């Protein structure tokens, strides 16, 4: 059952919800009290500007933001969609990888997503705006589902037809790439999603012993 959650998945859910509640308590969506320090800001010099509530804030990249951004969300819908993905699929992947490896996998996907987003904003889609959300890690989990259980049948609303996991994952990747390149659905970090999937592919292939650098123990097939 997807709701019989193993410990890492459960604790990640709790941590994300607690941080979002803290954002609400501090009125972060208007004051940017937490976003100023813990969201993922672009590379480059700090920039001072007015927050939505009219106060002046200074934002800029800090190394810890590569992790902290993944626990912050900009709306209830944003966190609900990400936590739904973690709730549905996180436990499956955690049981497959084991708690420790799943934790490594989750944060690898989150950090890779952040790095790809930083590169894209720096060199291809310039702008000065924060990135936040667990989506990169969630897309990494979805990628793991497609790689480890490629023929598992899934059904996604509003498509009423079950499809193999690998088809669903490939479709999501294509949609993210197309919407990212064309600028469709602006305001969504499409390349961060792809970055999370990239991190997942590399780590799974490493654990399978299929990269030039080999793990001490191959445990995935």
Protein backbone atom coordinates (compact mmCIF):
# COMPACT_ATOMS: atom_id res chain seq x y z
CA UNK A 1 0.00 0.00 0.00
CA UNK A 2 1.41 3.45 -0.92
CA UNK A 3 0.25 4.96 2.38
CA UNK A 4 2.14 2.45 4.54
CA UNK A 5 5.11 4.76 4.42
CA UNK A 6 8.71 3.77 5.18
CA UNK A 7 10.67 6.16 7.42
CA UNK A 8 12.57 8.38 4.96
CA UNK A 9 9.52 9.03 2.80
CA UNK A 10 7.42 9.76 5.87
CA UNK A 11 10.01 12.14 7.35
CA UNK A 12 10.46 13.97 4.04
CA UNK A 13 6.71 14.50 3.87
CA UNK A 14 6.66 15.84 7.42
CA UNK A 15 9.64 18.14 6.81
CA UNK A 16 8.09 19.65 3.68
CA UNK A 17 4.76 20.25 5.41
CA UNK A 18 6.43 21.78 8.48
CA UNK A 19 8.49 24.17 6.34
CA UNK A 20 5.39 25.18 4.36
CA UNK A 21 3.47 25.87 7.58
CA UNK A 22 6.41 27.97 8.76
CA UNK A 23 6.25 29.89 5.48
CA UNK A 24 2.57 30.56 6.12
CA UNK A 25 3.20 31.67 9.70
CA UNK A 26 5.89 34.12 8.55
CA UNK A 27 3.79 35.31 5.58
CA UNK A 28 6.66 34.26 3.36
CA UNK A 29 4.66 34.49 0.14
CA UNK A 30 4.50 38.27 0.57
CA UNK A 31 7.41 39.17 2.86
CA UNK A 32 9.83 36.58 1.38
CA UNK A 33 11.25 36.18 4.89
CA UNK A 34 12.42 32.63 4.21
CA UNK A 35 12.60 32.81 0.43
CA UNK A 36 15.21 35.56 0.74
CA UNK A 37 17.67 33.18 2.41
CA UNK A 38 16.66 29.62 1.56
CA UNK A 39 15.14 29.58 -1.95
CA UNK A 40 17.49 28.96 -4.88
CA UNK A 41 18.65 32.30 -6.27
CA UNK A 42 20.62 32.68 -9.53
CA UNK A 43 24.39 32.83 -9.64
CA UNK A 44 25.87 36.31 -9.60
CA UNK A 45 25.86 39.36 -7.35
CA UNK A 46 23.10 39.93 -4.83
CA UNK A 47 20.17 42.05 -5.93
CA UNK A 48 18.03 44.29 -3.73
CA UNK A 49 14.40 44.82 -4.67
CA UNK A 50 10.96 45.26 -3.15
CA UNK A 51 9.08 42.21 -1.90
CA UNK A 52 5.34 41.86 -2.66
CA UNK A 53 4.51 43.55 0.67
CA UNK A 54 6.68 46.57 -0.20
CA UNK A 55 9.70 45.86 1.99
CA UNK A 56 13.17 45.92 0.48
CA UNK A 57 14.98 42.57 0.48
CA UNK A 58 18.33 41.38 -0.81
CA UNK A 59 18.51 38.02 -2.58
CA UNK A 60 21.46 36.07 -3.88
CA UNK A 61 22.89 32.58 -4.24
CA UNK A 62 24.21 30.75 -1.18
CA UNK A 63 25.59 27.20 -1.25
CA UNK A 64 23.02 25.80 1.21
CA UNK A 65 20.23 26.80 -1.16
CA UNK A 66 21.11 23.75 -3.30
CA UNK A 67 19.28 21.74 -0.62
CA UNK A 68 16.98 24.13 1.25
CA UNK A 69 15.05 25.26 -1.84
CA UNK A 70 13.65 21.73 -2.16
CA UNK A 71 11.72 22.08 1.13
CA UNK A 72 9.98 25.33 0.20
CA UNK A 73 6.83 25.85 -1.87
CA UNK A 74 5.01 28.84 -3.26
CA UNK A 75 1.39 27.72 -2.80
CA UNK A 76 -0.84 25.02 -1.39
CA UNK A 77 -1.33 23.56 -4.86
CA UNK A 78 2.44 23.48 -5.36
CA UNK A 79 3.17 21.51 -2.19
CA UNK A 80 0.08 19.33 -2.59
CA UNK A 81 1.10 18.15 -6.05
CA UNK A 82 4.69 17.45 -4.98
CA UNK A 83 3.72 15.66 -1.79
CA UNK A 84 1.15 13.60 -3.69
CA UNK A 85 3.95 12.33 -5.92
CA UNK A 86 6.15 11.58 -2.91
CA UNK A 87 3.26 9.86 -1.15
CA UNK A 88 2.37 7.68 -4.13
CA UNK A 89 5.82 6.67 -5.35
CA UNK A 90 8.40 7.49 -2.66
CA UNK A 91 7.67 4.42 -0.57
CA UNK A 92 8.00 2.09 -3.55
CA UNK A 93 11.43 3.43 -4.43
CA UNK A 94 12.58 3.57 -0.80
CA UNK A 95 11.72 -0.09 -0.29
CA UNK A 96 13.61 -0.97 -3.47
CA UNK A 97 16.75 1.03 -2.70
CA UNK A 98 16.72 0.86 1.09
CA UNK A 99 16.38 3.84 3.41
CA UNK A 100 19.98 5.09 3.23
CA UNK A 101 20.28 4.80 -0.54
CA UNK A 102 16.87 6.37 -1.05
CA UNK A 103 17.93 9.36 1.03
CA UNK A 104 21.10 9.68 -1.07
CA UNK A 105 19.01 9.33 -4.24
CA UNK A 106 16.46 11.95 -3.20
CA UNK A 107 19.04 14.61 -2.38
CA UNK A 108 21.15 13.76 -5.43
CA UNK A 109 18.13 14.46 -7.63
CA UNK A 110 17.31 17.65 -5.72
CA UNK A 111 20.86 19.01 -5.97
CA UNK A 112 21.23 18.03 -9.63
CA UNK A 113 17.94 19.76 -10.37
CA UNK A 114 19.25 22.90 -8.65
CA UNK A 115 22.54 22.83 -10.58
CA UNK A 116 20.80 22.44 -13.94
CA UNK A 117 18.42 25.28 -13.07
CA UNK A 118 21.35 27.53 -12.11
CA UNK A 119 23.12 26.80 -15.42
CA UNK A 120 19.99 27.39 -17.50
CA UNK A 121 19.18 30.69 -15.77
CA UNK A 122 22.80 31.82 -16.00
CA UNK A 123 23.41 31.10 -19.67
CA UNK A 124 20.14 30.48 -21.51
CA UNK A 125 17.10 32.04 -19.80
CA UNK A 126 18.48 34.95 -17.81
CA UNK A 127 16.47 36.51 -15.04
CA UNK A 128 16.61 37.10 -11.31
CA UNK A 129 13.97 35.08 -9.57
CA UNK A 130 14.03 32.36 -6.92
CA UNK A 131 13.39 28.68 -7.57
CA UNK A 132 11.72 26.59 -4.90
CA UNK A 133 9.97 23.26 -4.53
CA UNK A 134 10.61 19.53 -4.29
CA UNK A 135 9.67 18.95 -7.93
CA UNK A 136 13.21 18.08 -9.06
CA UNK A 137 13.46 15.31 -6.47
CA UNK A 138 9.93 14.10 -7.25
CA UNK A 139 10.73 13.87 -10.95
CA UNK A 140 13.80 11.87 -9.94
CA UNK A 141 11.55 9.46 -8.05
CA UNK A 142 9.29 9.18 -11.08
CA UNK A 143 12.36 8.47 -13.22
CA UNK A 144 13.38 5.70 -10.82
CA UNK A 145 9.94 4.17 -11.11
CA UNK A 146 10.26 4.12 -14.89
CA UNK A 147 13.74 2.58 -14.78
CA UNK A 148 13.21 0.04 -12.00
CA UNK A 149 9.62 -0.92 -12.78
CA UNK A 150 9.31 -0.08 -16.49
CA UNK A 151 6.31 -2.32 -17.15
CA UNK A 152 4.30 -1.39 -14.07
CA UNK A 153 0.93 -0.04 -15.27
CA UNK A 154 0.02 3.46 -14.11
CA UNK A 155 -2.98 5.65 -14.81
CA UNK A 156 -2.77 9.44 -14.79
CA UNK A 157 -5.76 11.76 -14.66
CA UNK A 158 -7.30 12.75 -17.08
CA UNK A 159 -6.03 9.89 -19.29
CA UNK A 160 -8.29 6.90 -18.44
CA UNK A 161 -5.97 4.28 -19.95
CA UNK A 162 -3.27 2.50 -17.89
CA UNK A 163 0.19 2.82 -19.40
CA UNK A 164 3.61 1.31 -18.64
CA UNK A 165 5.73 3.37 -16.27
CA UNK A 166 8.48 3.85 -18.86
CA UNK A 167 5.96 5.37 -21.29
CA UNK A 168 4.65 7.75 -18.63
CA UNK A 169 8.14 8.82 -17.58
CA UNK A 170 9.27 9.33 -21.17
CA UNK A 171 6.15 11.35 -21.90
CA UNK A 172 6.75 13.59 -18.87
CA UNK A 173 10.37 14.15 -19.92
CA UNK A 174 9.37 15.09 -23.47
CA UNK A 175 6.68 17.49 -22.22
CA UNK A 176 9.14 19.16 -19.82
CA UNK A 177 11.75 19.52 -22.55
CA UNK A 178 9.33 20.97 -25.09
CA UNK A 179 7.67 23.36 -22.64
CA UNK A 180 11.07 24.43 -21.32
CA UNK A 181 12.54 25.13 -24.76
CA UNK A 182 9.43 26.89 -26.07
CA UNK A 183 8.82 28.89 -22.89
CA UNK A 184 5.35 27.41 -22.49
CA UNK A 185 3.93 27.45 -18.96
CA UNK A 186 6.34 30.14 -17.77
CA UNK A 187 7.00 30.25 -14.06
CA UNK A 188 7.63 26.49 -13.88
CA UNK A 189 11.22 25.27 -13.57
CA UNK A 190 11.02 22.73 -16.39
CA UNK A 191 14.78 22.30 -16.61
CA UNK A 192 15.02 21.66 -12.87
CA UNK A 193 12.57 18.80 -13.38
CA UNK A 194 14.77 17.44 -16.16
CA UNK A 195 17.82 17.96 -13.94
CA UNK A 196 16.26 15.82 -11.24
CA UNK A 197 15.65 13.08 -13.80
CA UNK A 198 19.23 13.40 -15.05
CA UNK A 199 20.61 12.98 -11.55
CA UNK A 200 18.43 9.92 -11.12
CA UNK A 201 19.62 8.30 -14.34
CA UNK A 202 23.29 8.82 -13.48
CA UNK A 203 22.97 7.48 -9.94
CA UNK A 204 20.93 4.42 -10.92
CA UNK A 205 23.36 3.58 -13.71
CA UNK A 206 26.23 4.01 -11.24
CA UNK A 207 24.58 1.62 -8.78
CA UNK A 208 24.08 -0.81 -11.64
CA UNK A 209 27.82 -0.68 -12.37
CA UNK A 210 27.30 0.70 -15.88
CA UNK A 211 29.45 3.81 -15.58
CA UNK A 212 33.25 4.02 -15.88
CA UNK A 213 33.43 4.63 -12.13
CA UNK A 214 32.18 1.49 -10.38
CA UNK A 215 30.45 1.22 -7.00
CA UNK A 216 31.82 -1.04 -4.28
CA UNK A 217 28.72 -3.16 -4.61
CA UNK A 218 26.32 -3.51 -7.53
CA UNK A 219 22.82 -3.99 -6.13
CA UNK A 220 20.51 -2.82 -8.94
CA UNK A 221 19.76 -4.70 -12.12
